[in-house]
Amino acid sequence: MAIAALTILHERGLLHRDLNMNVKKLSISLPPSLVKFIENYKLSKGYKSQSQVIEAALELLQNHELEEAYRQASAEIDSAWDVTVADGLTSDRLN
C-alpha cells in the first residue's frame, strides 16, 4: 500500500520540491536490502535521486502520524456535541 501511495503522490507531482528549498544533508546507514529497494524504486518510478524516494517515504510516515493524531483527537470529542448537533434544528429553521 505504501508503494502505491508513493507512486500516486509522485504521479500527481506532489513530491516535487522547490530547488531553492532549504535542505540539510543527512547521512544514514541502511541494510543492503533497503538500499537496493530504494535504488530499484527510484529507477522504476522515475525519481531523480534516492533522497527523493526517502523524502516521499518520510512524508507518508508523517502523514500517517498526523492522521492518527486526528483520529485520537476525534475520539476524545465530548459526546454531548453529538446531542447538540442532532437536536433537530437545521440551518433552515435558524433563518
N, C-alpha and C. Protein backbone atom coordinates (compact mmCIF):
# COMPACT_ATOMS: atom_id res chain seq x y z
N MET A 1 0.82 -1.19 0.00
CA MET A 1 0.00 0.00 0.00
C MET A 1 0.86 1.25 0.00
N ALA A 2 1.95 1.26 0.76
CA ALA A 2 2.82 2.42 0.82
C ALA A 2 3.44 2.71 -0.54
N ILE A 3 3.79 1.67 -1.27
CA ILE A 3 4.38 1.86 -2.59
C ILE A 3 3.37 2.50 -3.53
N ALA A 4 2.13 2.05 -3.47
CA ALA A 4 1.09 2.63 -4.31
C ALA A 4 0.88 4.10 -3.97
N ALA A 5 0.90 4.43 -2.68
CA ALA A 5 0.72 5.82 -2.27
C ALA A 5 1.88 6.68 -2.73
N LEU A 6 3.10 6.17 -2.64
CA LEU A 6 4.26 6.91 -3.15
C LEU A 6 4.11 7.18 -4.64
N THR A 7 3.68 6.17 -5.36
CA THR A 7 3.52 6.30 -6.81
C THR A 7 2.48 7.35 -7.14
N ILE A 8 1.36 7.34 -6.45
CA ILE A 8 0.29 8.31 -6.71
C ILE A 8 0.77 9.72 -6.42
N LEU A 9 1.44 9.92 -5.28
CA LEU A 9 1.96 11.24 -4.95
C LEU A 9 2.95 11.72 -5.99
N HIS A 10 3.82 10.82 -6.43
CA HIS A 10 4.81 11.18 -7.44
C HIS A 10 4.13 11.53 -8.76
N GLU A 11 3.17 10.72 -9.18
CA GLU A 11 2.48 10.96 -10.45
C GLU A 11 1.70 12.27 -10.44
N ARG A 12 1.19 12.64 -9.30
CA ARG A 12 0.42 13.89 -9.18
C ARG A 12 1.32 15.10 -8.99
N GLY A 13 2.61 14.87 -8.96
CA GLY A 13 3.55 15.97 -8.82
C GLY A 13 3.61 16.55 -7.42
N LEU A 14 3.15 15.80 -6.44
CA LEU A 14 3.13 16.30 -5.08
C LEU A 14 4.45 16.11 -4.35
N LEU A 15 5.38 15.45 -4.98
CA LEU A 15 6.65 15.21 -4.33
C LEU A 15 7.76 16.12 -4.84
N HIS A 16 7.47 16.91 -5.85
CA HIS A 16 8.49 17.80 -6.37
C HIS A 16 8.72 18.94 -5.40
N ARG A 17 9.94 19.28 -5.21
CA ARG A 17 10.30 20.31 -4.26
C ARG A 17 10.90 21.50 -4.99
N ASP A 18 10.71 22.66 -4.39
CA ASP A 18 11.34 23.87 -4.87
C ASP A 18 12.86 23.69 -4.78
N LEU A 19 13.56 23.98 -5.86
CA LEU A 19 15.00 23.79 -5.88
C LEU A 19 15.71 24.71 -4.88
N ASN A 20 15.05 25.79 -4.48
CA ASN A 20 15.65 26.71 -3.53
C ASN A 20 15.31 26.34 -2.08
N MET A 21 14.62 25.22 -1.90
CA MET A 21 14.22 24.80 -0.56
C MET A 21 15.45 24.56 0.31
N ASN A 22 15.36 25.00 1.53
CA ASN A 22 16.44 24.80 2.48
C ASN A 22 16.48 23.32 2.87
N VAL A 23 17.58 22.68 2.63
CA VAL A 23 17.73 21.27 2.97
C VAL A 23 18.97 21.08 3.81
N LYS A 24 18.96 20.01 4.56
CA LYS A 24 20.12 19.66 5.37
C LYS A 24 20.56 18.27 4.96
N LYS A 25 21.83 18.11 4.73
CA LYS A 25 22.37 16.82 4.34
C LYS A 25 22.43 15.91 5.56
N LEU A 26 22.04 14.67 5.35
CA LEU A 26 21.97 13.70 6.43
C LEU A 26 22.57 12.39 5.95
N SER A 27 23.35 11.79 6.79
CA SER A 27 23.94 10.50 6.45
C SER A 27 23.22 9.43 7.26
N ILE A 28 22.76 8.38 6.59
CA ILE A 28 22.08 7.29 7.29
C ILE A 28 22.70 5.96 6.89
N SER A 29 22.54 4.99 7.75
CA SER A 29 23.00 3.65 7.46
C SER A 29 21.78 2.75 7.31
N LEU A 30 21.76 2.00 6.22
CA LEU A 30 20.64 1.11 5.93
C LEU A 30 21.17 -0.26 5.55
N PRO A 31 20.37 -1.29 5.79
CA PRO A 31 20.77 -2.61 5.32
C PRO A 31 20.78 -2.64 3.79
N PRO A 32 21.63 -3.47 3.21
CA PRO A 32 21.73 -3.54 1.75
C PRO A 32 20.38 -3.79 1.06
N SER A 33 19.50 -4.54 1.69
CA SER A 33 18.20 -4.82 1.06
C SER A 33 17.37 -3.55 0.89
N LEU A 34 17.44 -2.63 1.86
CA LEU A 34 16.70 -1.37 1.73
C LEU A 34 17.35 -0.44 0.71
N VAL A 35 18.67 -0.43 0.67
CA VAL A 35 19.37 0.39 -0.32
C VAL A 35 19.00 -0.09 -1.73
N LYS A 36 18.96 -1.39 -1.91
CA LYS A 36 18.57 -1.96 -3.21
C LYS A 36 17.12 -1.59 -3.54
N PHE A 37 16.24 -1.69 -2.56
CA PHE A 37 14.84 -1.32 -2.78
C PHE A 37 14.72 0.14 -3.20
N ILE A 38 15.42 1.03 -2.49
CA ILE A 38 15.37 2.45 -2.80
C ILE A 38 15.86 2.71 -4.23
N GLU A 39 16.96 2.10 -4.59
CA GLU A 39 17.52 2.30 -5.93
C GLU A 39 16.58 1.75 -7.00
N ASN A 40 16.06 0.56 -6.79
CA ASN A 40 15.11 -0.03 -7.76
C ASN A 40 13.85 0.82 -7.87
N TYR A 41 13.36 1.31 -6.75
CA TYR A 41 12.16 2.14 -6.77
C TYR A 41 12.43 3.44 -7.52
N LYS A 42 13.57 4.03 -7.25
CA LYS A 42 13.96 5.27 -7.94
C LYS A 42 13.96 5.07 -9.44
N LEU A 43 14.59 3.99 -9.89
CA LEU A 43 14.70 3.73 -11.33
C LEU A 43 13.34 3.40 -11.95
N SER A 44 12.56 2.59 -11.27
CA SER A 44 11.29 2.15 -11.85
C SER A 44 10.21 3.22 -11.84
N LYS A 45 10.30 4.17 -10.91
CA LYS A 45 9.26 5.19 -10.79
C LYS A 45 9.69 6.56 -11.28
N GLY A 46 10.91 6.68 -11.75
CA GLY A 46 11.36 7.93 -12.35
C GLY A 46 11.78 9.02 -11.36
N TYR A 47 12.12 8.64 -10.17
CA TYR A 47 12.65 9.63 -9.23
C TYR A 47 14.05 10.01 -9.67
N LYS A 48 14.45 11.23 -9.34
CA LYS A 48 15.77 11.71 -9.75
C LYS A 48 16.88 11.30 -8.81
N SER A 49 16.52 10.97 -7.57
CA SER A 49 17.55 10.62 -6.59
C SER A 49 16.98 9.69 -5.52
N GLN A 50 17.89 9.06 -4.83
CA GLN A 50 17.48 8.23 -3.70
C GLN A 50 16.89 9.11 -2.60
N SER A 51 17.39 10.32 -2.48
CA SER A 51 16.87 11.26 -1.48
C SER A 51 15.39 11.54 -1.72
N GLN A 52 14.99 11.66 -2.98
CA GLN A 52 13.57 11.90 -3.28
C GLN A 52 12.71 10.73 -2.82
N VAL A 53 13.19 9.53 -3.02
CA VAL A 53 12.44 8.34 -2.59
C VAL A 53 12.31 8.33 -1.08
N ILE A 54 13.39 8.59 -0.37
CA ILE A 54 13.36 8.59 1.09
C ILE A 54 12.47 9.73 1.60
N GLU A 55 12.56 10.89 0.97
CA GLU A 55 11.72 12.02 1.37
C GLU A 55 10.23 11.67 1.20
N ALA A 56 9.89 11.03 0.09
CA ALA A 56 8.50 10.63 -0.15
C ALA A 56 8.03 9.64 0.91
N ALA A 57 8.88 8.70 1.25
CA ALA A 57 8.52 7.71 2.27
C ALA A 57 8.34 8.38 3.64
N LEU A 58 9.19 9.32 3.97
CA LEU A 58 9.07 10.02 5.25
C LEU A 58 7.82 10.89 5.29
N GLU A 59 7.47 11.48 4.16
CA GLU A 59 6.23 12.27 4.10
C GLU A 59 5.02 11.37 4.35
N LEU A 60 5.04 10.17 3.79
CA LEU A 60 3.94 9.23 4.05
C LEU A 60 3.87 8.88 5.54
N LEU A 61 5.01 8.65 6.15
CA LEU A 61 5.06 8.34 7.57
C LEU A 61 4.54 9.53 8.39
N GLN A 62 4.95 10.71 8.02
CA GLN A 62 4.50 11.92 8.71
C GLN A 62 2.98 12.08 8.57
N ASN A 63 2.45 11.87 7.38
CA ASN A 63 1.01 11.96 7.16
C ASN A 63 0.25 10.91 7.96
N HIS A 64 0.82 9.71 8.04
CA HIS A 64 0.21 8.64 8.81
C HIS A 64 0.11 9.05 10.28
N GLU A 65 1.17 9.62 10.81
CA GLU A 65 1.18 10.07 12.20
C GLU A 65 0.16 11.18 12.42
N LEU A 66 0.05 12.08 11.47
CA LEU A 66 -0.92 13.18 11.58
C LEU A 66 -2.35 12.63 11.55
N GLU A 67 -2.61 11.69 10.65
CA GLU A 67 -3.94 11.07 10.59
C GLU A 67 -4.28 10.38 11.90
N GLU A 68 -3.32 9.70 12.48
CA GLU A 68 -3.54 9.02 13.76
C GLU A 68 -3.84 10.04 14.86
N ALA A 69 -3.14 11.15 14.87
CA ALA A 69 -3.40 12.19 15.88
C ALA A 69 -4.80 12.76 15.71
N TYR A 70 -5.24 12.97 14.47
CA TYR A 70 -6.60 13.45 14.22
C TYR A 70 -7.63 12.43 14.69
N ARG A 71 -7.37 11.14 14.43
CA ARG A 71 -8.29 10.09 14.89
C ARG A 71 -8.41 10.09 16.41
N GLN A 72 -7.28 10.22 17.08
CA GLN A 72 -7.31 10.23 18.55
C GLN A 72 -8.03 11.46 19.08
N ALA A 73 -7.78 12.60 18.47
CA ALA A 73 -8.46 13.83 18.90
C ALA A 73 -9.96 13.72 18.66
N SER A 74 -10.34 13.16 17.55
CA SER A 74 -11.75 12.99 17.22
C SER A 74 -12.44 12.07 18.23
N ALA A 75 -11.74 11.04 18.67
CA ALA A 75 -12.31 10.11 19.63
C ALA A 75 -12.50 10.75 21.00
N GLU A 76 -11.76 11.81 21.27
CA GLU A 76 -11.85 12.49 22.56
C GLU A 76 -12.90 13.58 22.61
N ILE A 77 -13.56 13.85 21.49
CA ILE A 77 -14.57 14.91 21.45
C ILE A 77 -15.73 14.52 22.35
N ASP A 78 -16.22 15.47 23.08
CA ASP A 78 -17.31 15.26 24.03
C ASP A 78 -18.56 14.75 23.29
N SER A 79 -19.14 13.67 23.79
CA SER A 79 -20.32 13.10 23.15
C SER A 79 -21.52 14.03 23.24
N ALA A 80 -21.49 15.01 24.14
CA ALA A 80 -22.58 15.98 24.22
C ALA A 80 -22.69 16.78 22.93
N TRP A 81 -21.59 16.92 22.23
CA TRP A 81 -21.62 17.63 20.95
C TRP A 81 -22.55 16.93 19.97
N ASP A 82 -22.54 15.59 19.98
CA ASP A 82 -23.41 14.83 19.09
C ASP A 82 -24.87 15.13 19.38
N VAL A 83 -25.22 15.29 20.65
CA VAL A 83 -26.59 15.62 21.03
C VAL A 83 -26.95 17.00 20.52
N THR A 84 -26.04 17.93 20.65
CA THR A 84 -26.29 19.30 20.19
C THR A 84 -26.46 19.33 18.68
N VAL A 85 -25.64 18.61 17.98
CA VAL A 85 -25.73 18.60 16.53
C VAL A 85 -27.03 17.96 16.08
N ALA A 86 -27.49 16.97 16.80
CA ALA A 86 -28.69 16.22 16.41
C ALA A 86 -29.94 16.71 17.15
N ASP A 87 -29.97 17.98 17.56
CA ASP A 87 -31.10 18.47 18.33
C ASP A 87 -32.33 18.78 17.49
N GLY A 88 -32.24 18.54 16.21
CA GLY A 88 -33.41 18.75 15.36
C GLY A 88 -33.42 20.06 14.63
N LEU A 89 -32.56 20.98 15.00
CA LEU A 89 -32.52 22.27 14.31
C LEU A 89 -31.73 22.13 13.03
N THR A 90 -32.18 22.76 12.01
CA THR A 90 -31.45 22.81 10.76
C THR A 90 -31.16 24.26 10.44
N SER A 91 -30.32 24.49 9.51
CA SER A 91 -29.99 25.86 9.14
C SER A 91 -31.22 26.59 8.59
N ASP A 92 -32.18 25.84 8.02
CA ASP A 92 -33.41 26.47 7.52
C ASP A 92 -34.23 27.06 8.65
N ARG A 93 -34.25 26.41 9.79
CA ARG A 93 -35.04 26.87 10.94
C ARG A 93 -34.38 28.02 11.66
N LEU A 94 -33.10 28.22 11.44
CA LEU A 94 -32.38 29.29 12.13
C LEU A 94 -32.59 30.63 11.45
N ASN A 95 -33.03 30.64 10.23
CA ASN A 95 -33.22 31.91 9.50
C ASN A 95 -34.60 32.46 9.66
